[in-house]
């Protein structure tokens, strides 16, 4: 009988520790997601401030160059992600890459 009780407590302890570990992992993942989202928002605001500053200074050529370089950088990152077999929605990535290529080619044709 004692062995049954010990086995029961061992199973209960293992189950509790599993769920505690699972919950702790979810909390950590959620915190990391929030941190990444916050950093991305800060980066976006930084870009918007740069765009607005160049507009206010009437620096159209510099603004166009900055936008083109950011499109190229983002397109390159998407191409790298496209090679990852774990990525889903590859059609969406391919469409974004194709659109970026069209925009970059069109902008290079302009004098």
N, C-alpha and C. Protein backbone atom coordinates (compact mmCIF):
# COMPACT_ATOMS: atom_id res chain seq x y z
N UNK A 1 0.82 -1.19 0.00
CA UNK A 1 0.00 0.00 0.00
C UNK A 1 0.86 1.26 0.00
N UNK A 2 1.97 1.19 0.78
CA UNK A 2 2.86 2.34 0.81
C UNK A 2 3.44 2.63 -0.56
N UNK A 3 3.75 1.58 -1.32
CA UNK A 3 4.32 1.77 -2.65
C UNK A 3 3.32 2.45 -3.58
N UNK A 4 2.05 2.12 -3.44
CA UNK A 4 1.01 2.74 -4.25
C UNK A 4 0.91 4.22 -3.93
N UNK A 5 0.97 4.55 -2.66
CA UNK A 5 0.90 5.95 -2.24
C UNK A 5 2.12 6.72 -2.74
N UNK A 6 3.30 6.13 -2.62
CA UNK A 6 4.52 6.78 -3.12
C UNK A 6 4.45 6.97 -4.64
N UNK A 7 3.95 5.95 -5.34
CA UNK A 7 3.82 6.06 -6.80
C UNK A 7 2.83 7.16 -7.16
N UNK A 8 1.72 7.23 -6.41
CA UNK A 8 0.73 8.27 -6.66
C UNK A 8 1.34 9.65 -6.46
N UNK A 9 2.07 9.85 -5.36
CA UNK A 9 2.71 11.14 -5.09
C UNK A 9 3.78 11.46 -6.13
N UNK A 10 4.50 10.45 -6.57
CA UNK A 10 5.53 10.67 -7.60
C UNK A 10 4.90 11.12 -8.91
N UNK A 11 3.79 10.49 -9.28
CA UNK A 11 3.08 10.89 -10.50
C UNK A 11 2.51 12.30 -10.35
N UNK A 12 1.94 12.59 -9.19
CA UNK A 12 1.39 13.92 -8.94
C UNK A 12 2.48 14.98 -8.99
N UNK A 13 3.63 14.68 -8.40
CA UNK A 13 4.74 15.64 -8.40
C UNK A 13 5.27 15.84 -9.82
N UNK A 14 5.38 14.77 -10.58
CA UNK A 14 5.86 14.89 -11.96
C UNK A 14 4.89 15.70 -12.81
N UNK A 15 3.60 15.45 -12.62
CA UNK A 15 2.58 16.19 -13.37
C UNK A 15 2.61 17.67 -13.00
N UNK A 16 2.70 17.96 -11.72
CA UNK A 16 2.74 19.35 -11.27
C UNK A 16 3.98 20.06 -11.79
N UNK A 17 5.12 19.39 -11.75
CA UNK A 17 6.34 20.04 -12.24
C UNK A 17 6.28 20.24 -13.75
N UNK A 18 5.66 19.30 -14.47
CA UNK A 18 5.51 19.47 -15.92
C UNK A 18 4.68 20.71 -16.23
N UNK A 19 3.52 20.84 -15.57
CA UNK A 19 2.66 21.98 -15.84
C UNK A 19 3.28 23.28 -15.35
N UNK A 20 4.02 23.24 -14.25
CA UNK A 20 4.72 24.44 -13.79
C UNK A 20 5.77 24.85 -14.82
N UNK A 21 6.53 23.89 -15.33
CA UNK A 21 7.54 24.18 -16.35
C UNK A 21 6.92 24.69 -17.63
N UNK A 22 5.79 24.11 -18.01
CA UNK A 22 5.09 24.56 -19.22
C UNK A 22 4.61 25.99 -19.06
N UNK A 23 4.04 26.30 -17.90
CA UNK A 23 3.55 27.65 -17.64
C UNK A 23 4.71 28.64 -17.60
N UNK A 24 5.80 28.27 -16.96
CA UNK A 24 6.98 29.15 -16.90
C UNK A 24 7.53 29.40 -18.30
N UNK A 25 7.52 28.38 -19.14
CA UNK A 25 7.99 28.54 -20.51
C UNK A 25 7.09 29.47 -21.30
N UNK A 26 5.79 29.37 -21.09
CA UNK A 26 4.85 30.26 -21.78
C UNK A 26 5.04 31.70 -21.32
N UNK A 27 5.25 31.90 -20.04
CA UNK A 27 5.46 33.25 -19.52
C UNK A 27 6.73 33.85 -20.09
N UNK A 28 7.79 33.06 -20.17
CA UNK A 28 9.05 33.53 -20.74
C UNK A 28 8.88 33.88 -22.21
N UNK A 29 8.18 33.03 -22.95
CA UNK A 29 7.95 33.29 -24.37
C UNK A 29 7.12 34.55 -24.55
N UNK A 30 6.13 34.76 -23.70
CA UNK A 30 5.29 35.95 -23.80
C UNK A 30 6.11 37.20 -23.51
N UNK A 31 6.96 37.15 -22.50
CA UNK A 31 7.81 38.30 -22.18
C UNK A 31 8.76 38.62 -23.34
N UNK A 32 9.34 37.59 -23.94
CA UNK A 32 10.24 37.80 -25.08
C UNK A 32 9.48 38.38 -26.26
N UNK A 33 8.26 37.91 -26.49
CA UNK A 33 7.45 38.44 -27.59
C UNK A 33 7.15 39.92 -27.37
N UNK A 34 6.81 40.28 -26.15
CA UNK A 34 6.52 41.68 -25.83
C UNK A 34 7.77 42.53 -26.02
N UNK A 35 8.94 42.02 -25.59
CA UNK A 35 10.18 42.76 -25.77
C UNK A 35 10.50 42.95 -27.24
N UNK A 36 10.32 41.91 -28.05
CA UNK A 36 10.58 42.02 -29.49
C UNK A 36 9.63 43.01 -30.13
N UNK A 37 8.36 42.95 -29.74
CA UNK A 37 7.37 43.86 -30.29
C UNK A 37 7.71 45.31 -29.92
N UNK A 38 8.13 45.53 -28.69
CA UNK A 38 8.50 46.87 -28.23
C UNK A 38 9.71 47.39 -29.00
N UNK A 39 10.72 46.54 -29.19
CA UNK A 39 11.90 46.95 -29.95
C UNK A 39 11.53 47.28 -31.39
N UNK A 40 10.64 46.50 -31.99
CA UNK A 40 10.21 46.75 -33.37
C UNK A 40 9.46 48.07 -33.46
N UNK A 41 8.64 48.38 -32.46
CA UNK A 41 7.92 49.65 -32.45
C UNK A 41 8.90 50.82 -32.33
N UNK A 42 9.91 50.69 -31.49
CA UNK A 42 10.91 51.74 -31.34
C UNK A 42 11.67 51.93 -32.64
N UNK A 43 11.99 50.83 -33.33
CA UNK A 43 12.68 50.92 -34.61
C UNK A 43 11.80 51.61 -35.65
N UNK A 44 10.51 51.27 -35.66
CA UNK A 44 9.58 51.91 -36.61
C UNK A 44 9.47 53.40 -36.36
N UNK A 45 9.39 53.79 -35.10
CA UNK A 45 9.31 55.22 -34.79
C UNK A 45 10.58 55.93 -35.22
N UNK A 46 11.71 55.30 -35.02
CA UNK A 46 12.99 55.87 -35.45
C UNK A 46 12.99 56.10 -36.96
N UNK A 47 12.50 55.12 -37.71
CA UNK A 47 12.44 55.27 -39.17
C UNK A 47 11.49 56.40 -39.56
N UNK A 48 10.35 56.47 -38.91
CA UNK A 48 9.38 57.51 -39.23
C UNK A 48 9.94 58.90 -38.93
N UNK A 49 10.69 59.02 -37.85
CA UNK A 49 11.32 60.30 -37.51
C UNK A 49 12.34 60.68 -38.57
N UNK A 50 13.11 59.69 -39.03
CA UNK A 50 14.08 59.97 -40.10
C UNK A 50 13.38 60.43 -41.37
N UNK A 51 12.29 59.76 -41.74
CA UNK A 51 11.53 60.16 -42.93
C UNK A 51 11.01 61.58 -42.78
N UNK A 52 10.39 61.86 -41.63
CA UNK A 52 9.81 63.18 -41.41
C UNK A 52 10.89 64.26 -41.42
N UNK A 53 12.04 63.99 -40.84
CA UNK A 53 13.14 64.96 -40.82
C UNK A 53 13.61 65.27 -42.24
N UNK A 54 13.77 64.23 -43.05
CA UNK A 54 14.20 64.45 -44.43
C UNK A 54 13.14 65.21 -45.23
N UNK A 55 11.87 64.95 -44.97
CA UNK A 55 10.80 65.69 -45.65
C UNK A 55 10.84 67.15 -45.25
N UNK A 56 10.97 67.42 -43.96
CA UNK A 56 11.01 68.80 -43.47
C UNK A 56 12.21 69.56 -44.02
N UNK A 57 13.32 68.87 -44.22
CA UNK A 57 14.52 69.50 -44.77
C UNK A 57 14.50 69.54 -46.30
N UNK A 58 13.41 69.03 -46.88
CA UNK A 58 13.25 68.99 -48.33
C UNK A 58 14.39 68.23 -48.99
N UNK A 59 14.78 67.13 -48.40
CA UNK A 59 15.86 66.28 -48.91
C UNK A 59 15.24 65.06 -49.59
N UNK A 60 14.60 65.30 -50.73
CA UNK A 60 13.87 64.25 -51.43
C UNK A 60 14.81 63.14 -51.91
N UNK A 61 15.95 63.51 -52.47
CA UNK A 61 16.88 62.51 -52.98
C UNK A 61 17.37 61.59 -51.86
N UNK A 62 17.70 62.18 -50.72
CA UNK A 62 18.17 61.39 -49.59
C UNK A 62 17.06 60.49 -49.06
N UNK A 63 15.84 61.02 -49.04
CA UNK A 63 14.69 60.23 -48.59
C UNK A 63 14.46 59.04 -49.51
N UNK A 64 14.51 59.27 -50.81
CA UNK A 64 14.33 58.17 -51.77
C UNK A 64 15.41 57.11 -51.59
N UNK A 65 16.64 57.54 -51.41
CA UNK A 65 17.74 56.60 -51.21
C UNK A 65 17.56 55.79 -49.92
N UNK A 66 17.13 56.46 -48.86
CA UNK A 66 16.90 55.78 -47.59
C UNK A 66 15.78 54.74 -47.71
N UNK A 67 14.69 55.12 -48.36
CA UNK A 67 13.57 54.20 -48.53
C UNK A 67 13.98 53.01 -49.38
N UNK A 68 14.69 53.26 -50.47
CA UNK A 68 15.14 52.17 -51.33
C UNK A 68 16.08 51.22 -50.58
N UNK A 69 16.97 51.77 -49.77
CA UNK A 69 17.90 50.90 -49.03
C UNK A 69 17.16 50.06 -47.99
N UNK A 70 16.12 50.61 -47.38
CA UNK A 70 15.35 49.84 -46.40
C UNK A 70 14.51 48.76 -47.09
N UNK A 71 13.98 49.08 -48.27
CA UNK A 71 13.24 48.07 -49.03
C UNK A 71 14.18 46.92 -49.39
N UNK A 72 15.37 47.26 -49.85
CA UNK A 72 16.34 46.23 -50.23
C UNK A 72 16.75 45.38 -49.02
N UNK A 73 16.96 46.02 -47.88
CA UNK A 73 17.34 45.28 -46.67
C UNK A 73 16.23 44.33 -46.23
N UNK A 74 14.99 44.83 -46.24
CA UNK A 74 13.86 43.99 -45.84
C UNK A 74 13.64 42.85 -46.83
N UNK A 75 13.81 43.14 -48.12
CA UNK A 75 13.66 42.11 -49.15
C UNK A 75 14.70 41.01 -48.95
N UNK A 76 15.91 41.41 -48.63
CA UNK A 76 16.98 40.43 -48.40
C UNK A 76 16.65 39.55 -47.20
N UNK A 77 16.12 40.14 -46.14
CA UNK A 77 15.73 39.35 -44.96
C UNK A 77 14.61 38.37 -45.31
N UNK A 78 13.66 38.81 -46.14
CA UNK A 78 12.58 37.92 -46.55
C UNK A 78 13.10 36.76 -47.39
N UNK A 79 14.08 37.04 -48.24
CA UNK A 79 14.67 35.98 -49.06
C UNK A 79 15.37 34.93 -48.18
N UNK A 80 16.02 35.39 -47.13
CA UNK A 80 16.66 34.47 -46.19
C UNK A 80 15.60 33.63 -45.48
N UNK A 81 14.53 34.27 -45.04
CA UNK A 81 13.46 33.55 -44.36
C UNK A 81 12.75 32.57 -45.29
N UNK A 82 12.67 32.92 -46.57
CA UNK A 82 12.03 32.04 -47.54
C UNK A 82 12.75 30.71 -47.66
N UNK A 83 14.06 30.72 -47.44
CA UNK A 83 14.86 29.49 -47.52
C UNK A 83 14.65 28.58 -46.30
N UNK A 84 14.07 29.11 -45.24
CA UNK A 84 13.84 28.32 -44.02
C UNK A 84 12.65 27.38 -44.24
N UNK A 85 12.86 26.07 -44.14
CA UNK A 85 11.76 25.14 -44.39
C UNK A 85 10.64 25.22 -43.34
N UNK A 86 10.92 25.80 -42.18
CA UNK A 86 9.90 25.88 -41.13
C UNK A 86 8.91 27.02 -41.36
N UNK A 87 9.25 27.94 -42.25
CA UNK A 87 8.40 29.10 -42.50
C UNK A 87 7.16 28.68 -43.28
N UNK A 88 6.02 29.16 -42.82
CA UNK A 88 4.77 28.93 -43.54
C UNK A 88 4.41 30.20 -44.29
N UNK A 89 3.38 30.17 -45.09
CA UNK A 89 2.95 31.32 -45.89
C UNK A 89 4.04 31.77 -46.85
N UNK A 90 4.69 30.82 -47.50
CA UNK A 90 5.75 31.17 -48.44
C UNK A 90 5.22 31.98 -49.61
N UNK A 91 3.95 31.77 -49.98
CA UNK A 91 3.36 32.54 -51.07
C UNK A 91 3.33 34.02 -50.72
N UNK A 92 3.04 34.33 -49.47
CA UNK A 92 3.02 35.72 -49.02
C UNK A 92 4.42 36.33 -49.10
N UNK A 93 5.43 35.56 -48.68
CA UNK A 93 6.81 36.04 -48.76
C UNK A 93 7.23 36.26 -50.20
N UNK A 94 6.89 35.30 -51.07
CA UNK A 94 7.25 35.42 -52.49
C UNK A 94 6.59 36.65 -53.12
N UNK A 95 5.34 36.90 -52.75
CA UNK A 95 4.63 38.07 -53.28
C UNK A 95 5.29 39.36 -52.80
N UNK A 96 5.66 39.41 -51.53
CA UNK A 96 6.32 40.60 -50.99
C UNK A 96 7.67 40.83 -51.66
N UNK A 97 8.41 39.77 -51.90
CA UNK A 97 9.72 39.88 -52.57
C UNK A 97 9.54 40.36 -54.00
N UNK A 98 8.55 39.80 -54.71
CA UNK A 98 8.30 40.21 -56.09
C UNK A 98 7.88 41.67 -56.16
N UNK A 99 7.04 42.10 -55.24
CA UNK A 99 6.61 43.50 -55.21
C UNK A 99 7.79 44.42 -54.91
N UNK A 100 8.64 44.03 -53.98
CA UNK A 100 9.83 44.83 -53.66
C UNK A 100 10.74 44.92 -54.88
N UNK A 101 10.91 43.81 -55.60
CA UNK A 101 11.74 43.84 -56.82
C UNK A 101 11.16 44.80 -57.85
N UNK A 102 9.84 44.78 -58.03
CA UNK A 102 9.20 45.69 -58.98
C UNK A 102 9.40 47.15 -58.59
N UNK A 103 9.23 47.43 -57.32
CA UNK A 103 9.40 48.81 -56.84
C UNK A 103 10.84 49.26 -57.02
N UNK A 104 11.79 48.40 -56.69
CA UNK A 104 13.20 48.76 -56.83
C UNK A 104 13.59 48.95 -58.30
N UNK A 105 13.10 48.08 -59.18
CA UNK A 105 13.41 48.24 -60.61
C UNK A 105 12.80 49.51 -61.16
N UNK A 106 11.56 49.79 -60.78
CA UNK A 106 10.88 51.00 -61.25
C UNK A 106 11.60 52.25 -60.75
N UNK A 107 12.06 52.22 -59.52
CA UNK A 107 12.74 53.40 -58.96
C UNK A 107 14.11 53.59 -59.61
N UNK A 108 14.74 52.50 -60.07
CA UNK A 108 16.03 52.62 -60.75
C UNK A 108 15.88 53.15 -62.17
N UNK A 109 14.69 52.99 -62.77
CA UNK A 109 14.44 53.49 -64.12
C UNK A 109 14.24 54.99 -64.13
N UNK A 110 13.78 55.55 -63.03
CA UNK A 110 13.51 56.98 -62.97
C UNK A 110 14.83 57.75 -62.96
N UNK A 111 14.84 58.90 -63.66
CA UNK A 111 16.09 59.70 -63.70
C UNK A 111 16.45 60.31 -62.37
